[in-house]
């Protein structure tokens, strides 16, 4: 009988790899679509001033790093709160922010391209720097948390396992009978 694999049996890293693979495939499709669309353009073609082209390039270059940043931030939050790192039924915690940020930023890039503002590459650069800074801060917080946990566990290791209580020797039967006899003679009800 084959074991049944579900998202519940996957670790956070495995779940993140599946989502990243899906986003990579979508980004690759977007990039290939852009290459095919660009084949029919003139030599003086500037994708930053065409809305659809700007949107495809923006999605292809920013979707993966956005998902990675959100995975890292969610992992830090769950570790800091003491929750299990696996998402379980809470996949929307990963999918919803990723989709929201990617769709919103892609729409802004497309709108700026439609309006004629040639800021696509500057926008991608700034967006990448901001995501890199957020990821770096989250990673530093994660490392700090791990170091703190390690310090606390090393203090516990010095006193662990707790010392066992010394077992008291058993009383001889004669001593128990003597105690019973002395108790019954002293207290009369």
N, C-alpha and C. Protein backbone atom coordinates (compact mmCIF):
# COMPACT_ATOMS: atom_id res chain seq x y z
N UNK A 1 0.85 -1.17 0.00
CA UNK A 1 0.00 0.00 0.00
C UNK A 1 0.90 1.24 0.00
N UNK A 2 0.63 2.16 -0.90
CA UNK A 2 1.41 3.39 -1.01
C UNK A 2 1.03 4.35 0.11
N UNK A 3 2.00 5.01 0.72
CA UNK A 3 1.66 6.00 1.74
C UNK A 3 0.97 7.19 1.09
N UNK A 4 0.06 7.77 1.82
CA UNK A 4 -0.69 8.92 1.31
C UNK A 4 0.06 10.20 1.67
N UNK A 5 0.46 10.95 0.66
CA UNK A 5 1.17 12.20 0.89
C UNK A 5 0.20 13.36 0.71
N UNK A 6 0.19 14.25 1.67
CA UNK A 6 -0.62 15.46 1.59
C UNK A 6 0.27 16.62 2.00
N UNK A 7 -0.26 17.81 1.92
CA UNK A 7 0.50 18.97 2.36
C UNK A 7 0.78 18.91 3.85
N UNK A 8 -0.06 18.20 4.60
CA UNK A 8 0.16 18.10 6.04
C UNK A 8 1.42 17.32 6.38
N UNK A 9 1.84 16.42 5.49
CA UNK A 9 3.03 15.61 5.76
C UNK A 9 4.31 16.31 5.32
N UNK A 10 4.19 17.47 4.69
CA UNK A 10 5.36 18.19 4.20
C UNK A 10 5.84 19.21 5.21
N UNK A 11 7.13 19.42 5.24
CA UNK A 11 7.69 20.46 6.10
C UNK A 11 7.52 21.81 5.42
N UNK A 12 7.83 22.86 6.15
CA UNK A 12 7.74 24.21 5.59
C UNK A 12 8.65 24.35 4.38
N UNK A 13 9.83 23.77 4.46
CA UNK A 13 10.77 23.87 3.34
C UNK A 13 10.21 23.17 2.10
N UNK A 14 9.60 22.00 2.29
CA UNK A 14 9.03 21.28 1.15
C UNK A 14 7.86 22.05 0.54
N UNK A 15 7.01 22.61 1.41
CA UNK A 15 5.89 23.40 0.92
C UNK A 15 6.40 24.62 0.15
N UNK A 16 7.40 25.27 0.69
CA UNK A 16 7.96 26.46 0.03
C UNK A 16 8.56 26.08 -1.32
N UNK A 17 9.23 24.93 -1.38
CA UNK A 17 9.80 24.50 -2.66
C UNK A 17 8.72 24.26 -3.70
N UNK A 18 7.60 23.69 -3.28
CA UNK A 18 6.51 23.47 -4.24
C UNK A 18 5.95 24.79 -4.75
N UNK A 19 5.73 25.74 -3.84
CA UNK A 19 5.22 27.04 -4.26
C UNK A 19 6.24 27.78 -5.13
N UNK A 20 7.51 27.69 -4.76
CA UNK A 20 8.54 28.36 -5.57
C UNK A 20 8.64 27.73 -6.96
N UNK A 21 8.49 26.41 -7.04
CA UNK A 21 8.52 25.76 -8.35
C UNK A 21 7.35 26.21 -9.21
N UNK A 22 6.18 26.34 -8.61
CA UNK A 22 5.01 26.81 -9.36
C UNK A 22 5.22 28.25 -9.82
N UNK A 23 5.75 29.09 -8.95
CA UNK A 23 6.00 30.49 -9.33
C UNK A 23 7.09 30.56 -10.39
N UNK A 24 8.12 29.71 -10.28
CA UNK A 24 9.16 29.69 -11.31
C UNK A 24 8.60 29.31 -12.68
N UNK A 25 7.70 28.35 -12.71
CA UNK A 25 7.09 27.96 -13.98
C UNK A 25 6.27 29.11 -14.55
N UNK A 26 5.49 29.78 -13.69
CA UNK A 26 4.71 30.93 -14.17
C UNK A 26 5.62 32.06 -14.66
N UNK A 27 6.70 32.31 -13.94
CA UNK A 27 7.63 33.36 -14.35
C UNK A 27 8.31 33.00 -15.67
N UNK A 28 8.66 31.74 -15.83
CA UNK A 28 9.27 31.30 -17.09
C UNK A 28 8.30 31.45 -18.25
N UNK A 29 7.04 31.08 -18.04
CA UNK A 29 6.03 31.26 -19.08
C UNK A 29 5.88 32.74 -19.42
N UNK A 30 5.86 33.58 -18.40
CA UNK A 30 5.75 35.02 -18.63
C UNK A 30 6.95 35.54 -19.41
N UNK A 31 8.13 35.07 -19.06
CA UNK A 31 9.34 35.53 -19.75
C UNK A 31 9.38 35.06 -21.20
N UNK A 32 9.01 33.79 -21.43
CA UNK A 32 8.97 33.28 -22.81
C UNK A 32 7.91 34.03 -23.62
N UNK A 33 6.78 34.33 -23.01
CA UNK A 33 5.74 35.11 -23.67
C UNK A 33 6.29 36.48 -24.07
N UNK A 34 7.05 37.09 -23.18
CA UNK A 34 7.64 38.39 -23.48
C UNK A 34 8.64 38.28 -24.64
N UNK A 35 9.44 37.24 -24.66
CA UNK A 35 10.41 37.06 -25.74
C UNK A 35 9.70 36.89 -27.08
N UNK A 36 8.65 36.08 -27.09
CA UNK A 36 7.89 35.88 -28.33
C UNK A 36 7.22 37.17 -28.76
N UNK A 37 6.66 37.92 -27.83
CA UNK A 37 6.01 39.19 -28.17
C UNK A 37 7.02 40.22 -28.64
N UNK A 38 8.23 40.15 -28.13
CA UNK A 38 9.25 41.13 -28.49
C UNK A 38 9.85 40.85 -29.87
N UNK A 39 9.69 39.66 -30.40
CA UNK A 39 10.24 39.33 -31.71
C UNK A 39 9.61 40.16 -32.83
N UNK A 40 8.40 40.61 -32.64
CA UNK A 40 7.69 41.36 -33.67
C UNK A 40 7.87 42.87 -33.51
N UNK A 41 8.65 43.31 -32.54
CA UNK A 41 8.83 44.75 -32.30
C UNK A 41 10.00 45.29 -33.11
N UNK A 42 10.07 46.60 -33.17
CA UNK A 42 11.16 47.25 -33.90
C UNK A 42 12.43 47.28 -33.07
N UNK A 43 13.50 47.72 -33.67
CA UNK A 43 14.80 47.77 -32.99
C UNK A 43 14.81 48.80 -31.87
N UNK A 44 14.03 49.85 -31.98
CA UNK A 44 14.00 50.90 -30.97
C UNK A 44 12.94 50.61 -29.90
N UNK A 45 12.70 49.38 -29.65
CA UNK A 45 11.65 48.93 -28.73
C UNK A 45 12.08 49.16 -27.28
N UNK A 46 11.18 49.74 -26.48
CA UNK A 46 11.43 49.95 -25.05
C UNK A 46 10.28 49.33 -24.27
N UNK A 47 10.50 48.18 -23.63
CA UNK A 47 9.39 47.50 -22.94
C UNK A 47 8.86 48.29 -21.74
N UNK A 48 9.61 49.26 -21.26
CA UNK A 48 9.17 50.01 -20.09
C UNK A 48 7.99 50.91 -20.40
N UNK A 49 7.75 51.21 -21.67
CA UNK A 49 6.64 52.13 -21.99
C UNK A 49 5.42 51.40 -22.54
N UNK A 50 5.45 50.08 -22.57
CA UNK A 50 4.28 49.30 -22.97
C UNK A 50 3.78 48.56 -21.74
N UNK A 51 2.51 48.74 -21.41
CA UNK A 51 1.95 48.20 -20.18
C UNK A 51 2.05 46.69 -20.06
N UNK A 52 1.64 45.96 -21.09
CA UNK A 52 1.66 44.50 -21.02
C UNK A 52 3.08 43.97 -20.93
N UNK A 53 3.98 44.58 -21.67
CA UNK A 53 5.38 44.15 -21.62
C UNK A 53 6.00 44.41 -20.25
N UNK A 54 5.69 45.59 -19.72
CA UNK A 54 6.20 45.93 -18.39
C UNK A 54 5.66 44.95 -17.34
N UNK A 55 4.37 44.61 -17.47
CA UNK A 55 3.77 43.68 -16.51
C UNK A 55 4.42 42.30 -16.59
N UNK A 56 4.65 41.80 -17.79
CA UNK A 56 5.27 40.48 -17.94
C UNK A 56 6.69 40.46 -17.39
N UNK A 57 7.47 41.49 -17.70
CA UNK A 57 8.84 41.55 -17.19
C UNK A 57 8.86 41.71 -15.67
N UNK A 58 7.97 42.55 -15.16
CA UNK A 58 7.91 42.75 -13.71
C UNK A 58 7.59 41.43 -13.01
N UNK A 59 6.58 40.72 -13.49
CA UNK A 59 6.19 39.46 -12.88
C UNK A 59 7.32 38.45 -12.94
N UNK A 60 7.97 38.36 -14.10
CA UNK A 60 9.04 37.38 -14.27
C UNK A 60 10.22 37.64 -13.35
N UNK A 61 10.47 38.90 -13.03
CA UNK A 61 11.66 39.21 -12.23
C UNK A 61 11.39 39.36 -10.74
N UNK A 62 10.15 39.53 -10.33
CA UNK A 62 9.89 39.80 -8.91
C UNK A 62 9.07 38.75 -8.19
N UNK A 63 8.43 37.84 -8.89
CA UNK A 63 7.52 36.90 -8.24
C UNK A 63 8.27 35.96 -7.28
N UNK A 64 9.38 35.41 -7.72
CA UNK A 64 10.12 34.45 -6.89
C UNK A 64 10.68 35.11 -5.63
N UNK A 65 11.30 36.26 -5.78
CA UNK A 65 11.89 36.89 -4.60
C UNK A 65 10.81 37.33 -3.61
N UNK A 66 9.64 37.69 -4.10
CA UNK A 66 8.54 38.04 -3.20
C UNK A 66 8.09 36.82 -2.41
N UNK A 67 7.94 35.68 -3.08
CA UNK A 67 7.54 34.45 -2.39
C UNK A 67 8.60 34.03 -1.36
N UNK A 68 9.86 34.12 -1.73
CA UNK A 68 10.93 33.77 -0.78
C UNK A 68 10.90 34.67 0.45
N UNK A 69 10.69 35.95 0.23
CA UNK A 69 10.64 36.89 1.35
C UNK A 69 9.47 36.57 2.27
N UNK A 70 8.32 36.26 1.70
CA UNK A 70 7.15 35.96 2.51
C UNK A 70 7.33 34.65 3.27
N UNK A 71 7.92 33.66 2.65
CA UNK A 71 8.21 32.40 3.34
C UNK A 71 9.12 32.66 4.54
N UNK A 72 10.15 33.45 4.34
CA UNK A 72 11.08 33.75 5.42
C UNK A 72 10.41 34.52 6.55
N UNK A 73 9.63 35.53 6.20
CA UNK A 73 8.95 36.33 7.23
C UNK A 73 7.95 35.47 8.00
N UNK A 74 7.18 34.63 7.30
CA UNK A 74 6.22 33.77 7.99
C UNK A 74 6.92 32.75 8.88
N UNK A 75 8.04 32.22 8.43
CA UNK A 75 8.79 31.27 9.26
C UNK A 75 9.28 31.95 10.53
N UNK A 76 9.79 33.16 10.40
CA UNK A 76 10.27 33.90 11.58
C UNK A 76 9.12 34.17 12.54
N UNK A 77 7.99 34.60 12.02
CA UNK A 77 6.84 34.90 12.88
C UNK A 77 6.38 33.64 13.61
N UNK A 78 6.28 32.53 12.89
CA UNK A 78 5.81 31.29 13.51
C UNK A 78 6.81 30.77 14.54
N UNK A 79 8.09 30.90 14.28
CA UNK A 79 9.10 30.45 15.24
C UNK A 79 9.09 31.34 16.47
N UNK A 80 9.02 32.65 16.27
CA UNK A 80 9.00 33.58 17.40
C UNK A 80 7.77 33.39 18.28
N UNK A 81 6.65 33.00 17.68
CA UNK A 81 5.43 32.80 18.46
C UNK A 81 5.34 31.40 19.06
N UNK A 82 6.29 30.53 18.72
CA UNK A 82 6.31 29.20 19.28
C UNK A 82 5.36 28.23 18.60
N UNK A 83 4.92 28.55 17.40
CA UNK A 83 4.03 27.67 16.65
C UNK A 83 4.85 26.68 15.83
N UNK A 84 4.23 25.58 15.43
CA UNK A 84 4.95 24.69 14.52
C UNK A 84 5.24 25.40 13.21
N UNK A 85 6.34 25.08 12.59
CA UNK A 85 6.74 25.80 11.39
C UNK A 85 5.94 25.36 10.17
N UNK A 86 5.35 24.18 10.20
CA UNK A 86 4.53 23.73 9.08
C UNK A 86 3.24 24.53 9.05
N UNK A 87 2.75 24.83 7.87
CA UNK A 87 1.54 25.63 7.74
C UNK A 87 0.27 24.81 7.97
N UNK A 88 0.30 23.51 7.67
CA UNK A 88 -0.89 22.70 7.82
C UNK A 88 -2.00 23.17 6.91
N UNK A 89 -3.13 23.56 7.49
CA UNK A 89 -4.27 24.04 6.70
C UNK A 89 -4.14 25.52 6.33
N UNK A 90 -3.13 26.18 6.81
CA UNK A 90 -3.01 27.63 6.66
C UNK A 90 -2.18 28.03 5.45
N UNK A 91 -2.36 27.38 4.31
CA UNK A 91 -1.60 27.72 3.12
C UNK A 91 -1.93 29.11 2.60
N UNK A 92 -3.10 29.60 2.95
CA UNK A 92 -3.46 30.93 2.50
C UNK A 92 -2.53 31.98 3.10
N UNK A 93 -1.90 31.66 4.24
CA UNK A 93 -0.94 32.60 4.82
C UNK A 93 0.25 32.82 3.92
N UNK A 94 0.57 31.85 3.10
CA UNK A 94 1.67 31.99 2.15
C UNK A 94 1.17 32.50 0.80
N UNK A 95 0.05 31.96 0.34
CA UNK A 95 -0.44 32.28 -1.00
C UNK A 95 -1.03 33.68 -1.07
N UNK A 96 -1.85 34.05 -0.11
CA UNK A 96 -2.55 35.34 -0.18
C UNK A 96 -1.60 36.54 -0.21
N UNK A 97 -0.63 36.65 0.70
CA UNK A 97 0.25 37.81 0.62
C UNK A 97 1.10 37.82 -0.65
N UNK A 98 1.53 36.63 -1.08
CA UNK A 98 2.35 36.56 -2.30
C UNK A 98 1.55 37.04 -3.50
N UNK A 99 0.34 36.52 -3.65
CA UNK A 99 -0.50 36.91 -4.78
C UNK A 99 -0.84 38.39 -4.70
N UNK A 100 -1.18 38.87 -3.51
CA UNK A 100 -1.55 40.28 -3.36
C UNK A 100 -0.40 41.20 -3.75
N UNK A 101 0.78 40.94 -3.22
CA UNK A 101 1.92 41.82 -3.50
C UNK A 101 2.34 41.73 -4.96
N UNK A 102 2.38 40.52 -5.50
CA UNK A 102 2.80 40.36 -6.90
C UNK A 102 1.79 41.01 -7.85
N UNK A 103 0.50 40.77 -7.62
CA UNK A 103 -0.52 41.35 -8.51
C UNK A 103 -0.52 42.87 -8.38
N UNK A 104 -0.45 43.38 -7.18
CA UNK A 104 -0.47 44.84 -7.00
C UNK A 104 0.76 45.49 -7.63
N UNK A 105 1.92 44.94 -7.39
CA UNK A 105 3.13 45.56 -7.96
C UNK A 105 3.18 45.40 -9.48
N UNK A 106 2.68 44.30 -10.01
CA UNK A 106 2.62 44.13 -11.46
C UNK A 106 1.65 45.11 -12.08
N UNK A 107 0.52 45.32 -11.41
CA UNK A 107 -0.46 46.30 -11.91
C UNK A 107 0.11 47.71 -11.90
N UNK A 108 0.87 48.04 -10.87
CA UNK A 108 1.50 49.38 -10.82
C UNK A 108 2.53 49.52 -11.94
N UNK A 109 3.31 48.47 -12.18
CA UNK A 109 4.30 48.52 -13.27
C UNK A 109 3.60 48.67 -14.61
N UNK A 110 2.50 47.95 -14.82
CA UNK A 110 1.75 48.06 -16.07
C UNK A 110 1.13 49.45 -16.22
N UNK A 111 0.58 49.98 -15.15
CA UNK A 111 -0.04 51.31 -15.21
C UNK A 111 1.00 52.37 -15.52
N UNK A 112 2.16 52.25 -14.91
CA UNK A 112 3.22 53.24 -15.19
C UNK A 112 3.70 53.10 -16.64
N UNK A 113 3.71 51.87 -17.17
CA UNK A 113 4.08 51.69 -18.57
C UNK A 113 3.04 52.26 -19.50
N UNK A 114 1.77 52.10 -19.17
CA UNK A 114 0.69 52.65 -20.00
C UNK A 114 0.72 54.16 -20.00
N UNK A 115 0.98 54.75 -18.85
CA UNK A 115 1.03 56.21 -18.74
C UNK A 115 2.24 56.76 -19.48
N UNK A 116 3.26 55.94 -19.64
CA UNK A 116 4.44 56.38 -20.37
C UNK A 116 5.63 56.74 -19.51
N UNK A 117 5.56 56.37 -18.25
CA UNK A 117 6.69 56.63 -17.35
C UNK A 117 7.67 55.49 -17.51
N UNK A 118 8.85 55.74 -18.05
CA UNK A 118 9.81 54.64 -18.28
C UNK A 118 10.63 54.33 -17.03
N UNK A 119 9.95 53.82 -16.03
CA UNK A 119 10.64 53.56 -14.75
C UNK A 119 10.66 52.08 -14.40
N UNK A 120 10.50 51.21 -15.37
CA UNK A 120 10.42 49.79 -15.08
C UNK A 120 11.70 49.27 -14.44
N UNK A 121 12.80 49.53 -15.00
CA UNK A 121 14.05 48.96 -14.50
C UNK A 121 14.49 49.61 -13.19
N UNK A 122 14.22 50.89 -13.04
CA UNK A 122 14.48 51.55 -11.75
C UNK A 122 13.55 50.96 -10.69
N UNK A 123 12.29 50.73 -11.07
CA UNK A 123 11.32 50.13 -10.13
C UNK A 123 11.71 48.73 -9.71
N UNK A 124 12.15 47.93 -10.69
CA UNK A 124 12.59 46.57 -10.36
C UNK A 124 13.79 46.61 -9.43
N UNK A 125 14.70 47.54 -9.67
CA UNK A 125 15.88 47.65 -8.81
C UNK A 125 15.50 48.05 -7.39
N UNK A 126 14.65 49.04 -7.27
CA UNK A 126 14.23 49.50 -5.93
C UNK A 126 13.45 48.40 -5.22
N UNK A 127 12.54 47.76 -5.94
CA UNK A 127 11.75 46.68 -5.37
C UNK A 127 12.66 45.55 -4.88
N UNK A 128 13.65 45.20 -5.67
CA UNK A 128 14.58 44.13 -5.29
C UNK A 128 15.38 44.51 -4.05
N UNK A 129 15.80 45.76 -3.96
CA UNK A 129 16.55 46.21 -2.79
C UNK A 129 15.67 46.17 -1.54
N UNK A 130 14.43 46.62 -1.66
CA UNK A 130 13.52 46.60 -0.51
C UNK A 130 13.25 45.17 -0.05
N UNK A 131 12.98 44.28 -1.00
CA UNK A 131 12.74 42.87 -0.64
C UNK A 131 14.00 42.26 -0.02
N UNK A 132 15.16 42.60 -0.54
CA UNK A 132 16.41 42.09 0.03
C UNK A 132 16.62 42.60 1.46
N UNK A 133 16.31 43.87 1.71
CA UNK A 133 16.44 44.40 3.07
C UNK A 133 15.47 43.74 4.04
N UNK A 134 14.22 43.55 3.60
CA UNK A 134 13.23 42.88 4.46
C UNK A 134 13.68 41.45 4.75
N UNK A 135 14.16 40.76 3.74
CA UNK A 135 14.63 39.39 3.92
C UNK A 135 15.85 39.34 4.84
N UNK A 136 16.75 40.30 4.71
CA UNK A 136 17.94 40.33 5.57
C UNK A 136 17.55 40.57 7.02
N UNK A 137 16.62 41.49 7.26
CA UNK A 137 16.16 41.75 8.63
C UNK A 137 15.49 40.50 9.20
N UNK A 138 14.64 39.87 8.40
CA UNK A 138 13.97 38.65 8.88
C UNK A 138 14.98 37.55 9.17
N UNK A 139 15.99 37.42 8.34
CA UNK A 139 17.02 36.41 8.57
C UNK A 139 17.83 36.71 9.83
N UNK A 140 18.14 37.98 10.06
CA UNK A 140 18.86 38.35 11.28
C UNK A 140 18.03 38.07 12.52
N UNK A 141 16.73 38.36 12.45
CA UNK A 141 15.84 38.06 13.58
C UNK A 141 15.79 36.55 13.82
N UNK A 142 15.75 35.78 12.75
CA UNK A 142 15.73 34.32 12.88
C UNK A 142 17.02 33.81 13.52
N UNK A 143 18.16 34.33 13.09
CA UNK A 143 19.44 33.91 13.67
C UNK A 143 19.51 34.32 15.14
N UNK A 144 19.05 35.51 15.45
CA UNK A 144 19.04 35.97 16.85
C UNK A 144 18.16 35.07 17.71
N UNK A 145 17.02 34.68 17.17
CA UNK A 145 16.11 33.78 17.90
C UNK A 145 16.76 32.43 18.13
N UNK A 146 17.41 31.91 17.13
CA UNK A 146 18.06 30.60 17.26
C UNK A 146 19.20 30.66 18.27
N UNK A 147 19.97 31.74 18.26
CA UNK A 147 21.07 31.89 19.23
C UNK A 147 20.51 31.99 20.64
N UNK A 148 19.41 32.73 20.82
CA UNK A 148 18.80 32.86 22.14
C UNK A 148 18.29 31.51 22.63
N UNK A 149 17.64 30.77 21.76
CA UNK A 149 17.15 29.44 22.14
C UNK A 149 18.32 28.53 22.49
N UNK A 150 19.39 28.61 21.71
CA UNK A 150 20.57 27.78 21.97
C UNK A 150 21.17 28.11 23.34
N UNK A 151 21.27 29.38 23.67
CA UNK A 151 21.81 29.78 24.97
C UNK A 151 20.96 29.24 26.11
N UNK A 152 19.63 29.38 25.95
CA UNK A 152 18.74 28.91 27.01
C UNK A 152 18.80 27.40 27.15
N UNK A 153 18.92 26.70 26.05
CA UNK A 153 19.01 25.24 26.12
C UNK A 153 20.35 24.79 26.71
N UNK A 154 21.42 25.53 26.45
CA UNK A 154 22.71 25.14 27.01
C UNK A 154 22.72 25.33 28.52
N UNK A 155 21.99 26.31 29.03
CA UNK A 155 21.87 26.47 30.48
C UNK A 155 21.08 25.30 31.05
N UNK A 156 20.04 24.87 30.35
CA UNK A 156 19.26 23.74 30.83
C UNK A 156 20.05 22.45 30.80
N UNK A 157 20.95 22.30 29.83
CA UNK A 157 21.73 21.07 29.73
C UNK A 157 22.62 20.87 30.95
N UNK A 158 23.05 21.97 31.57
CA UNK A 158 23.90 21.85 32.75
C UNK A 158 23.14 21.23 33.91
N UNK A 159 21.86 21.48 34.00
CA UNK A 159 21.06 20.96 35.11
C UNK A 159 20.14 19.84 34.67
N UNK A 160 20.35 19.30 33.50
CA UNK A 160 19.47 18.25 32.99
C UNK A 160 20.24 16.96 32.84
N UNK A 161 19.77 15.86 33.14
CA UNK A 161 18.48 15.60 33.77
C UNK A 161 18.53 15.95 35.25
N UNK A 162 17.40 16.24 35.82
CA UNK A 162 17.41 16.61 37.24
C UNK A 162 17.90 15.44 38.09
N UNK A 163 18.49 15.79 39.19
CA UNK A 163 19.01 14.73 40.04
C UNK A 163 17.86 13.88 40.56
N UNK A 164 18.10 12.58 40.56
CA UNK A 164 17.07 11.67 41.04
C UNK A 164 17.07 11.68 42.56
N UNK A 165 15.87 11.55 43.09
CA UNK A 165 15.77 11.46 44.54
C UNK A 165 16.36 10.13 44.99
N UNK A 166 17.06 10.22 46.08
CA UNK A 166 17.59 8.97 46.61
C UNK A 166 16.43 8.16 47.18
N UNK A 167 16.43 6.92 46.84
CA UNK A 167 15.35 6.06 47.29
C UNK A 167 15.56 5.72 48.76
N UNK A 168 14.50 5.90 49.48
CA UNK A 168 14.60 5.59 50.90
C UNK A 168 14.56 4.08 51.07
N UNK A 169 15.33 3.64 52.00
CA UNK A 169 15.32 2.22 52.29
C UNK A 169 13.98 1.81 52.89
N UNK A 170 13.60 0.62 52.66
CA UNK A 170 12.32 0.17 53.19
C UNK A 170 12.49 -0.16 54.68
N UNK A 171 11.41 -0.05 55.41
CA UNK A 171 11.43 -0.37 56.82
C UNK A 171 11.27 -1.87 57.00
N UNK A 172 11.86 -2.35 58.01
CA UNK A 172 11.68 -3.77 58.33
C UNK A 172 10.28 -3.98 58.87
N UNK A 173 9.78 -5.17 58.72
CA UNK A 173 8.41 -5.47 59.15
C UNK A 173 8.26 -5.27 60.65
N UNK A 174 9.29 -5.59 61.39
CA UNK A 174 9.23 -5.44 62.85
C UNK A 174 9.12 -3.97 63.22
N UNK A 175 9.81 -3.10 62.50
CA UNK A 175 9.74 -1.66 62.78
C UNK A 175 8.36 -1.12 62.48
N UNK A 176 7.75 -1.60 61.41
CA UNK A 176 6.40 -1.14 61.06
C UNK A 176 5.41 -1.59 62.11
N UNK A 177 5.52 -2.83 62.56
CA UNK A 177 4.61 -3.35 63.61
C UNK A 177 4.80 -2.57 64.90
N UNK A 178 6.05 -2.19 65.21
CA UNK A 178 6.31 -1.43 66.43
C UNK A 178 5.69 -0.05 66.34
N UNK A 179 5.76 0.56 65.17
CA UNK A 179 5.14 1.88 65.01
C UNK A 179 3.63 1.78 65.13
N UNK A 180 3.04 0.76 64.58
CA UNK A 180 1.59 0.58 64.67
C UNK A 180 1.18 0.36 66.12
N UNK A 181 1.97 -0.44 66.81
CA UNK A 181 1.63 -0.75 68.21
C UNK A 181 1.75 0.47 69.10
N UNK A 182 2.77 1.29 68.90
CA UNK A 182 2.94 2.47 69.74
C UNK A 182 1.87 3.51 69.45
N UNK A 183 1.39 3.55 68.21
CA UNK A 183 0.36 4.51 67.85
C UNK A 183 -0.97 4.10 68.47
N UNK A 184 -1.28 2.85 68.47
CA UNK A 184 -2.58 2.39 68.97
C UNK A 184 -2.64 2.49 70.48
N UNK A 185 -1.51 2.40 71.21
CA UNK A 185 -1.54 2.48 72.67
C UNK A 185 -1.61 3.93 73.14
N UNK A 186 -1.14 4.87 72.38
CA UNK A 186 -1.12 6.26 72.83
C UNK A 186 -2.48 6.94 72.62
N UNK A 187 -3.12 6.66 71.51
CA UNK A 187 -4.34 7.39 71.17
C UNK A 187 -5.54 6.49 71.32
N UNK A 188 -6.29 6.77 72.29
CA UNK A 188 -7.51 6.00 72.52
C UNK A 188 -8.66 6.94 72.24
N UNK A 189 -9.60 6.47 71.45
CA UNK A 189 -10.72 7.34 71.06
C UNK A 189 -11.84 7.21 72.02
